[in-house]
Every structure is written in C-alpha cells, then in structure tokens.
Amino acid sequence: MNVIDDFSPSNGTWRTLRWAQEMGASTLGEAYDMLDQFENSNDVPEVLGEDDTIEAVREEIEDGLETVGPDTDLSALL
C-alpha cells in the first residue's frame, strides 16, 4: 500500500502535519491529538496562511485516520 496515494490532503494539512512532526508527533494519530494545541498556538497564521482553516485540516486528518490509520508514521506521509 502506498500511503501517499491513499491520503492526499491539502497543502494546509501537509503544513500542519509537518508542524506536528516538528513538535514531536510521530504518527498521524498523534498529529490529530495535537490539533487543539495547534489551534491555540501562535503558529496558525504562519502554517495555514489565509486560505485554510483548522476545521478543514481536522476533517482531512480525520479522513486520513480512516483511510491509512492512526499508527501511520508521519515520515511516510511527509
């Protein structure tokens, strides 16, 4: 299974996953668990810009959790 083919979210979600990885997350499930921390951080404007929203990122990661699973290594996605 090629994880990239099964889960291809928007650029804002990719940047959010990269942020989560930099903050210590190693799996998609851990990145999802960090969304509340991300939402309350000062990093949101820098990571998401003006075109993406936390809600959209949350939905895409939830889809990814269903598609590739919470234990998927972020390095396989990024």
N, C-alpha and C. Protein backbone atom coordinates (compact mmCIF):
# COMPACT_ATOMS: atom_id res chain seq x y z
N MET A 1 0.85 -1.18 0.00
CA MET A 1 0.00 0.00 0.00
C MET A 1 0.89 1.24 0.00
N ASN A 2 0.62 2.16 -0.91
CA ASN A 2 1.32 3.43 -0.93
C ASN A 2 0.50 4.45 -0.16
N VAL A 3 0.98 4.84 1.00
CA VAL A 3 0.26 5.75 1.89
C VAL A 3 -0.05 7.06 1.21
N ILE A 4 0.89 7.58 0.44
CA ILE A 4 0.71 8.86 -0.23
C ILE A 4 -0.48 8.81 -1.18
N ASP A 5 -0.65 7.72 -1.90
CA ASP A 5 -1.76 7.60 -2.83
C ASP A 5 -3.10 7.52 -2.11
N ASP A 6 -3.12 6.94 -0.93
CA ASP A 6 -4.36 6.75 -0.19
C ASP A 6 -4.77 7.99 0.61
N PHE A 7 -3.85 8.87 0.89
CA PHE A 7 -4.13 10.05 1.71
C PHE A 7 -3.40 11.24 1.10
N SER A 8 -4.16 12.11 0.45
CA SER A 8 -3.54 13.26 -0.20
C SER A 8 -4.31 14.54 0.13
N PRO A 9 -4.08 15.07 1.32
CA PRO A 9 -4.79 16.27 1.78
C PRO A 9 -4.22 17.55 1.17
N SER A 10 -4.85 18.64 1.51
CA SER A 10 -4.45 19.96 1.01
C SER A 10 -3.09 20.39 1.56
N ASN A 11 -2.56 21.45 0.98
CA ASN A 11 -1.27 21.98 1.42
C ASN A 11 -1.31 22.43 2.88
N GLY A 12 -2.42 23.01 3.30
CA GLY A 12 -2.53 23.44 4.69
C GLY A 12 -2.44 22.28 5.67
N THR A 13 -3.04 21.16 5.30
CA THR A 13 -2.96 19.98 6.15
C THR A 13 -1.56 19.41 6.15
N TRP A 14 -0.89 19.40 5.00
CA TRP A 14 0.51 18.94 4.95
C TRP A 14 1.37 19.80 5.87
N ARG A 15 1.17 21.12 5.80
CA ARG A 15 1.97 22.02 6.65
C ARG A 15 1.66 21.79 8.12
N THR A 16 0.40 21.50 8.44
CA THR A 16 0.02 21.23 9.82
C THR A 16 0.65 19.92 10.30
N LEU A 17 0.68 18.91 9.44
CA LEU A 17 1.33 17.65 9.81
C LEU A 17 2.82 17.85 10.02
N ARG A 18 3.44 18.67 9.20
CA ARG A 18 4.86 18.97 9.38
C ARG A 18 5.07 19.69 10.71
N TRP A 19 4.19 20.64 11.04
CA TRP A 19 4.27 21.35 12.33
C TRP A 19 4.19 20.33 13.47
N ALA A 20 3.21 19.42 13.39
CA ALA A 20 3.03 18.42 14.45
C ALA A 20 4.28 17.55 14.58
N GLN A 21 4.87 17.19 13.45
CA GLN A 21 6.10 16.38 13.49
C GLN A 21 7.22 17.16 14.18
N GLU A 22 7.34 18.43 13.85
CA GLU A 22 8.37 19.26 14.49
C GLU A 22 8.13 19.42 15.98
N MET A 23 6.86 19.32 16.40
CA MET A 23 6.51 19.43 17.81
C MET A 23 6.58 18.09 18.54
N GLY A 24 6.95 17.02 17.82
CA GLY A 24 7.18 15.74 18.48
C GLY A 24 6.26 14.60 18.08
N ALA A 25 5.25 14.86 17.26
CA ALA A 25 4.35 13.77 16.83
C ALA A 25 5.10 12.87 15.85
N SER A 26 4.85 11.58 15.96
CA SER A 26 5.48 10.65 15.02
C SER A 26 4.46 9.88 14.19
N THR A 27 3.18 9.91 14.61
CA THR A 27 2.14 9.21 13.86
C THR A 27 1.00 10.17 13.52
N LEU A 28 0.16 9.76 12.58
CA LEU A 28 -0.99 10.57 12.21
C LEU A 28 -1.93 10.76 13.40
N GLY A 29 -2.11 9.73 14.20
CA GLY A 29 -2.96 9.85 15.39
C GLY A 29 -2.43 10.86 16.38
N GLU A 30 -1.11 10.87 16.58
CA GLU A 30 -0.50 11.85 17.49
C GLU A 30 -0.67 13.26 16.93
N ALA A 31 -0.53 13.41 15.62
CA ALA A 31 -0.72 14.73 14.99
C ALA A 31 -2.15 15.21 15.20
N TYR A 32 -3.10 14.30 15.06
CA TYR A 32 -4.50 14.66 15.28
C TYR A 32 -4.72 15.11 16.72
N ASP A 33 -4.12 14.39 17.66
CA ASP A 33 -4.25 14.74 19.07
C ASP A 33 -3.66 16.11 19.38
N MET A 34 -2.77 16.60 18.54
CA MET A 34 -2.12 17.89 18.78
C MET A 34 -2.88 19.05 18.15
N LEU A 35 -3.99 18.79 17.47
CA LEU A 35 -4.71 19.88 16.80
C LEU A 35 -5.21 20.95 17.75
N ASP A 36 -5.65 20.57 18.95
CA ASP A 36 -6.09 21.59 19.92
C ASP A 36 -4.93 22.48 20.32
N GLN A 37 -3.77 21.88 20.54
CA GLN A 37 -2.58 22.65 20.87
C GLN A 37 -2.23 23.58 19.71
N PHE A 38 -2.30 23.06 18.50
CA PHE A 38 -2.01 23.87 17.31
C PHE A 38 -2.98 25.04 17.20
N GLU A 39 -4.27 24.77 17.42
CA GLU A 39 -5.30 25.79 17.29
C GLU A 39 -5.06 26.94 18.26
N ASN A 40 -4.51 26.63 19.43
CA ASN A 40 -4.27 27.66 20.44
C ASN A 40 -2.88 28.26 20.37
N SER A 41 -2.10 27.85 19.37
CA SER A 41 -0.74 28.37 19.26
C SER A 41 -0.70 29.62 18.38
N ASN A 42 0.42 30.28 18.42
CA ASN A 42 0.64 31.45 17.57
C ASN A 42 1.08 31.04 16.17
N ASP A 43 1.20 29.74 15.92
CA ASP A 43 1.70 29.25 14.64
C ASP A 43 0.64 29.15 13.55
N VAL A 44 -0.63 29.25 13.92
CA VAL A 44 -1.71 29.03 12.96
C VAL A 44 -1.58 29.92 11.72
N PRO A 45 -1.45 31.23 11.87
CA PRO A 45 -1.37 32.06 10.65
C PRO A 45 -0.18 31.71 9.76
N GLU A 46 0.94 31.41 10.37
CA GLU A 46 2.15 31.08 9.61
C GLU A 46 2.00 29.74 8.89
N VAL A 47 1.41 28.76 9.55
CA VAL A 47 1.29 27.42 8.98
C VAL A 47 0.15 27.36 7.96
N LEU A 48 -1.00 27.91 8.30
CA LEU A 48 -2.17 27.78 7.43
C LEU A 48 -2.33 28.91 6.42
N GLY A 49 -1.76 30.07 6.72
CA GLY A 49 -1.98 31.20 5.82
C GLY A 49 -3.43 31.66 5.91
N GLU A 50 -3.92 32.25 4.85
CA GLU A 50 -5.28 32.78 4.86
C GLU A 50 -6.29 31.87 4.20
N ASP A 51 -5.83 30.84 3.51
CA ASP A 51 -6.74 30.03 2.71
C ASP A 51 -7.28 28.79 3.41
N ASP A 52 -6.61 28.32 4.44
CA ASP A 52 -7.02 27.09 5.10
C ASP A 52 -7.56 27.39 6.50
N THR A 53 -8.35 26.45 7.03
CA THR A 53 -8.91 26.60 8.37
C THR A 53 -8.60 25.37 9.21
N ILE A 54 -8.64 25.55 10.51
CA ILE A 54 -8.44 24.43 11.44
C ILE A 54 -9.51 23.36 11.18
N GLU A 55 -10.74 23.79 10.95
CA GLU A 55 -11.83 22.84 10.73
C GLU A 55 -11.56 21.97 9.50
N ALA A 56 -11.08 22.58 8.42
CA ALA A 56 -10.78 21.82 7.21
C ALA A 56 -9.64 20.84 7.45
N VAL A 57 -8.62 21.29 8.18
CA VAL A 57 -7.48 20.44 8.50
C VAL A 57 -7.95 19.26 9.35
N ARG A 58 -8.78 19.54 10.35
CA ARG A 58 -9.29 18.49 11.23
C ARG A 58 -10.06 17.44 10.42
N GLU A 59 -10.91 17.89 9.49
CA GLU A 59 -11.68 16.96 8.67
C GLU A 59 -10.76 16.10 7.80
N GLU A 60 -9.75 16.72 7.20
CA GLU A 60 -8.85 15.95 6.34
C GLU A 60 -8.04 14.93 7.14
N ILE A 61 -7.60 15.32 8.33
CA ILE A 61 -6.85 14.36 9.14
C ILE A 61 -7.77 13.24 9.61
N GLU A 62 -9.03 13.56 9.95
CA GLU A 62 -9.99 12.51 10.31
C GLU A 62 -10.18 11.54 9.15
N ASP A 63 -10.27 12.06 7.93
CA ASP A 63 -10.37 11.19 6.75
C ASP A 63 -9.12 10.32 6.63
N GLY A 64 -7.98 10.91 6.88
CA GLY A 64 -6.73 10.16 6.84
C GLY A 64 -6.67 9.06 7.88
N LEU A 65 -7.20 9.36 9.07
CA LEU A 65 -7.22 8.35 10.13
C LEU A 65 -8.05 7.14 9.69
N GLU A 66 -9.15 7.39 8.99
CA GLU A 66 -9.99 6.30 8.49
C GLU A 66 -9.33 5.58 7.32
N THR A 67 -8.61 6.32 6.50
CA THR A 67 -8.02 5.75 5.28
C THR A 67 -6.74 4.98 5.54
N VAL A 68 -5.81 5.61 6.25
CA VAL A 68 -4.49 4.98 6.43
C VAL A 68 -4.22 4.54 7.86
N GLY A 69 -5.05 4.99 8.81
CA GLY A 69 -4.92 4.55 10.19
C GLY A 69 -4.10 5.49 11.06
N PRO A 70 -4.39 5.51 12.36
CA PRO A 70 -3.73 6.42 13.29
C PRO A 70 -2.26 6.10 13.54
N ASP A 71 -1.84 4.86 13.27
CA ASP A 71 -0.46 4.48 13.52
C ASP A 71 0.46 4.74 12.34
N THR A 72 -0.06 5.36 11.28
CA THR A 72 0.76 5.65 10.11
C THR A 72 1.84 6.66 10.50
N ASP A 73 3.06 6.33 10.20
CA ASP A 73 4.21 7.17 10.51
C ASP A 73 4.16 8.45 9.68
N LEU A 74 4.31 9.59 10.35
CA LEU A 74 4.28 10.87 9.63
C LEU A 74 5.38 10.95 8.57
N SER A 75 6.50 10.33 8.82
CA SER A 75 7.58 10.38 7.83
C SER A 75 7.16 9.71 6.53
N ALA A 76 6.24 8.78 6.57
CA ALA A 76 5.73 8.15 5.35
C ALA A 76 4.81 9.10 4.58
N LEU A 77 4.21 10.03 5.30
CA LEU A 77 3.29 10.99 4.68
C LEU A 77 4.03 12.23 4.19
N LEU A 78 5.07 12.59 4.90
CA LEU A 78 5.77 13.82 4.58
C LEU A 78 7.00 13.49 3.81
